[in-house]
Amino acid sequence: MARARLAQARPAAISDAMERLALPRTVIVGFGGTRPEGNAVVGTAYTIRQVPKHHPGEHGQRLTRHKEVSTSLAQPGDFVVVDAGGRMDIASWGGNHSARCHQRGVAGVLINGCTRDSDEIRHLGFPAFYLGTSPIASQWNQETAELNGIVVVGGVQIRPGDIIVGDGDGLVVIAPAQLPAILEELKS
């Protein structure tokens, strides 16, 4: 019920409701991507924090864990958030991850960085929000520092379990404790 109401309301109306309630507007803008037409995408945050590998000896080692997230850790209805520190030179996501998530019922992905295989992701119809694209895989340059911890994307703190609503205008992050008041405000 709440997810359907949020999807119909869209981020613009949710942002307005947050303003009327004097809540901090936790809105993320400036991310492009692929989304199906119609209602907004709604899901529960599952976060991944990627950082540069620590030393050159790790180059040949695969230390990223986003494959685990897309195959088993993220659950149906989750909204995967990949914080790659805004890196624009490598892709921290791609078509294979999107296909696995889409098949498993994951709501979408927000990438603080780049993806690759953007045409494939668009063809899948999997909702993806990202800063740009790059053909270079991240596995040789990054490692996963944390799963399901606090991340910051677009100046907004995202905690596991936060509700994310996204459409072509941007994304809004809702702390679960704020949800009842926001839903009530959206009725008016």
Protein backbone atom coordinates (compact mmCIF):
# COMPACT_ATOMS: atom_id res chain seq x y z
CA MET A 1 0.00 0.00 0.00
CA ALA A 2 2.67 2.51 1.04
CA ARG A 3 4.90 1.64 -1.93
CA ALA A 4 2.04 2.04 -4.39
CA ARG A 5 1.12 5.41 -2.87
CA LEU A 6 4.73 6.60 -3.06
CA ALA A 7 5.08 5.41 -6.66
CA GLN A 8 1.98 7.37 -7.65
CA ALA A 9 3.03 10.47 -5.69
CA ARG A 10 6.50 10.70 -7.31
CA PRO A 11 9.55 12.49 -5.85
CA ALA A 12 8.30 16.03 -6.58
CA ALA A 13 5.15 15.61 -4.46
CA ILE A 14 7.10 13.80 -1.74
CA SER A 15 9.64 16.64 -1.62
CA ASP A 16 6.78 19.14 -1.28
CA ALA A 17 5.25 17.07 1.53
CA MET A 18 8.60 16.97 3.33
CA GLU A 19 8.85 20.76 3.03
CA ARG A 20 5.36 21.25 4.50
CA LEU A 21 6.33 18.95 7.39
CA ALA A 22 9.58 20.88 7.94
CA LEU A 23 11.57 17.68 7.34
CA PRO A 24 14.97 17.84 5.68
CA ARG A 25 14.45 17.31 1.96
CA THR A 26 16.66 14.35 1.19
CA VAL A 27 16.53 14.70 -2.59
CA ILE A 28 19.18 13.48 -5.03
CA VAL A 29 19.37 15.16 -8.44
CA GLY A 30 21.65 15.04 -11.47
CA PHE A 31 21.52 11.29 -12.11
CA GLY A 32 20.57 10.03 -15.55
CA GLY A 33 19.64 6.50 -16.36
CA THR A 34 17.01 4.12 -17.58
CA ARG A 35 13.53 3.84 -16.17
CA PRO A 36 10.25 2.46 -17.39
CA GLU A 37 7.54 5.01 -18.20
CA GLY A 38 4.79 5.55 -15.66
CA ASN A 39 4.99 5.51 -11.89
CA ALA A 40 8.13 6.16 -9.91
CA VAL A 41 10.42 3.33 -8.81
CA VAL A 42 10.18 2.53 -5.09
CA GLY A 43 12.40 0.25 -3.02
CA THR A 44 14.23 -0.31 0.24
CA ALA A 45 17.91 0.67 0.33
CA TYR A 46 20.57 -2.06 0.23
CA THR A 47 23.95 -0.33 0.09
CA ILE A 48 27.39 -1.20 -1.25
CA ARG A 49 30.41 1.04 -0.68
CA GLN A 50 33.24 0.67 -3.22
CA VAL A 51 36.69 2.19 -2.68
CA PRO A 52 39.92 2.21 -4.70
CA LYS A 53 42.10 -0.86 -4.17
CA HIS A 54 44.71 -0.26 -1.50
CA HIS A 55 47.90 -1.29 -3.30
CA PRO A 56 49.01 -2.42 -6.78
CA GLY A 57 49.53 -6.04 -5.70
CA GLU A 58 45.75 -6.40 -5.49
CA HIS A 59 45.28 -5.61 -9.19
CA GLY A 60 44.60 -9.18 -10.30
CA GLN A 61 42.38 -9.98 -7.33
CA ARG A 62 38.62 -9.60 -7.59
CA LEU A 63 37.73 -7.81 -4.37
CA THR A 64 34.36 -6.37 -5.37
CA ARG A 65 31.20 -8.00 -4.02
CA HIS A 66 28.42 -6.46 -6.09
CA LYS A 67 27.98 -9.81 -7.89
CA GLU A 68 27.00 -11.33 -4.52
CA VAL A 69 24.54 -8.50 -4.01
CA SER A 70 22.90 -9.05 -7.39
CA THR A 71 22.79 -12.86 -7.06
CA SER A 72 21.72 -13.36 -3.46
CA LEU A 73 22.06 -10.54 -0.94
CA ALA A 74 19.65 -7.93 -2.31
CA GLN A 75 16.07 -9.07 -1.87
CA PRO A 76 12.92 -8.50 -3.94
CA GLY A 77 11.79 -4.91 -3.44
CA ASP A 78 15.27 -3.68 -2.51
CA PHE A 79 16.80 -0.65 -4.19
CA VAL A 80 20.53 -1.32 -4.55
CA VAL A 81 22.72 1.73 -3.87
CA VAL A 82 26.31 1.50 -5.13
CA ASP A 83 28.49 4.26 -3.71
CA ALA A 84 31.58 4.31 -5.94
CA GLY A 85 32.61 7.73 -4.68
CA GLY A 86 31.37 9.41 -7.85
CA ARG A 87 34.12 7.87 -9.99
CA MET A 88 33.55 8.54 -13.67
CA ASP A 89 36.43 6.53 -15.14
CA ILE A 90 35.17 3.01 -14.36
CA ALA A 91 31.82 1.23 -14.28
CA SER A 92 30.68 -0.09 -10.91
CA TRP A 93 27.62 -1.79 -12.38
CA GLY A 94 26.57 -3.42 -15.63
CA GLY A 95 24.15 -5.51 -17.62
CA ASN A 96 24.81 -8.83 -15.86
CA HIS A 97 24.16 -7.34 -12.42
CA SER A 98 21.01 -5.66 -13.74
CA ALA A 99 19.73 -8.87 -15.36
CA ARG A 100 20.20 -10.85 -12.14
CA CYS A 101 18.52 -8.15 -10.04
CA HIS A 102 15.66 -7.76 -12.52
CA GLN A 103 15.05 -11.51 -12.53
CA ARG A 104 15.03 -11.59 -8.73
CA GLY A 105 12.55 -8.70 -8.31
CA VAL A 106 14.99 -6.03 -7.10
CA ALA A 107 13.31 -2.63 -7.59
CA GLY A 108 16.25 -0.73 -9.11
CA VAL A 109 19.79 0.55 -8.67
CA LEU A 110 21.33 3.94 -7.84
CA ILE A 111 25.02 4.21 -8.77
CA ASN A 112 27.15 7.03 -7.42
CA GLY A 113 29.43 6.58 -10.41
CA CYS A 114 29.13 4.87 -13.78
CA THR A 115 27.54 1.81 -15.29
CA ARG A 116 28.35 -0.04 -18.46
CA ASP A 117 26.03 -1.95 -20.79
CA SER A 118 23.52 0.92 -20.61
CA ASP A 119 21.74 -0.21 -23.79
CA GLU A 120 21.34 -3.71 -22.34
CA ILE A 121 19.98 -2.29 -19.08
CA ARG A 122 17.54 -0.09 -21.00
CA HIS A 123 16.40 -3.10 -23.06
CA LEU A 124 15.81 -5.09 -19.85
CA GLY A 125 13.61 -2.32 -18.50
CA PHE A 126 15.54 -2.40 -15.23
CA PRO A 127 15.41 0.96 -13.41
CA ALA A 128 18.95 2.33 -13.10
CA PHE A 129 20.07 5.80 -12.00
CA TYR A 130 23.73 6.70 -12.61
CA LEU A 131 26.12 9.60 -13.19
CA GLY A 132 27.52 8.32 -16.49
CA THR A 133 28.81 5.36 -18.46
CA SER A 134 32.21 3.74 -18.92
CA PRO A 135 33.24 0.51 -20.65
CA ILE A 136 35.88 -0.23 -17.98
CA ALA A 137 35.00 -2.83 -15.32
CA SER A 138 35.59 -1.82 -11.69
CA GLN A 139 36.84 -5.20 -10.50
CA TRP A 140 40.45 -4.29 -11.38
CA ASN A 141 40.37 -0.89 -9.68
CA GLN A 142 38.00 -1.08 -6.74
CA GLU A 143 37.11 -3.24 -3.80
CA THR A 144 34.01 -3.50 -1.66
CA ALA A 145 34.65 -1.79 1.67
CA GLU A 146 31.21 -2.33 3.19
CA LEU A 147 27.87 -3.97 2.53
CA ASN A 148 24.66 -2.51 3.94
CA GLY A 149 26.28 0.38 5.77
CA ILE A 150 25.66 4.12 5.66
CA VAL A 151 26.61 5.84 2.38
CA VAL A 152 26.30 9.39 1.07
CA VAL A 153 25.09 9.99 -2.49
CA GLY A 154 24.47 13.45 -3.88
CA GLY A 155 24.92 14.96 -0.42
CA VAL A 156 22.20 12.72 1.03
CA GLN A 157 22.82 10.10 3.70
CA ILE A 158 21.32 6.71 2.83
CA ARG A 159 20.96 4.00 5.47
CA PRO A 160 20.00 0.38 4.88
CA GLY A 161 16.22 0.16 5.07
CA ASP A 162 15.58 3.73 3.94
CA ILE A 163 12.91 4.04 1.28
CA ILE A 164 14.03 5.37 -2.10
CA VAL A 165 11.61 6.79 -4.65
CA GLY A 166 12.97 7.75 -8.06
CA ASP A 167 11.76 9.04 -11.42
CA GLY A 168 13.06 11.28 -14.21
CA ASP A 169 13.11 14.31 -11.88
CA GLY A 170 15.37 12.72 -9.27
CA LEU A 171 15.25 10.54 -6.20
CA VAL A 172 14.06 11.10 -2.65
CA VAL A 173 15.26 9.15 0.38
CA ILE A 174 12.81 8.60 3.23
CA ALA A 175 13.79 7.41 6.70
CA PRO A 176 11.26 4.73 7.78
CA ALA A 177 10.33 6.76 10.88
CA GLN A 178 9.24 9.66 8.63
CA LEU A 179 7.07 7.53 6.34
CA PRO A 180 3.74 7.69 8.25
CA ALA A 181 3.79 11.50 8.43
CA ILE A 182 4.75 11.80 4.76
CA LEU A 183 2.00 9.40 3.66
CA GLU A 184 -0.54 11.36 5.71
CA GLU A 185 0.67 14.65 4.22
CA LEU A 186 0.40 13.23 0.70
CA LYS A 187 -3.32 12.66 1.28
CA SER A 188 -3.92 16.42 1.61
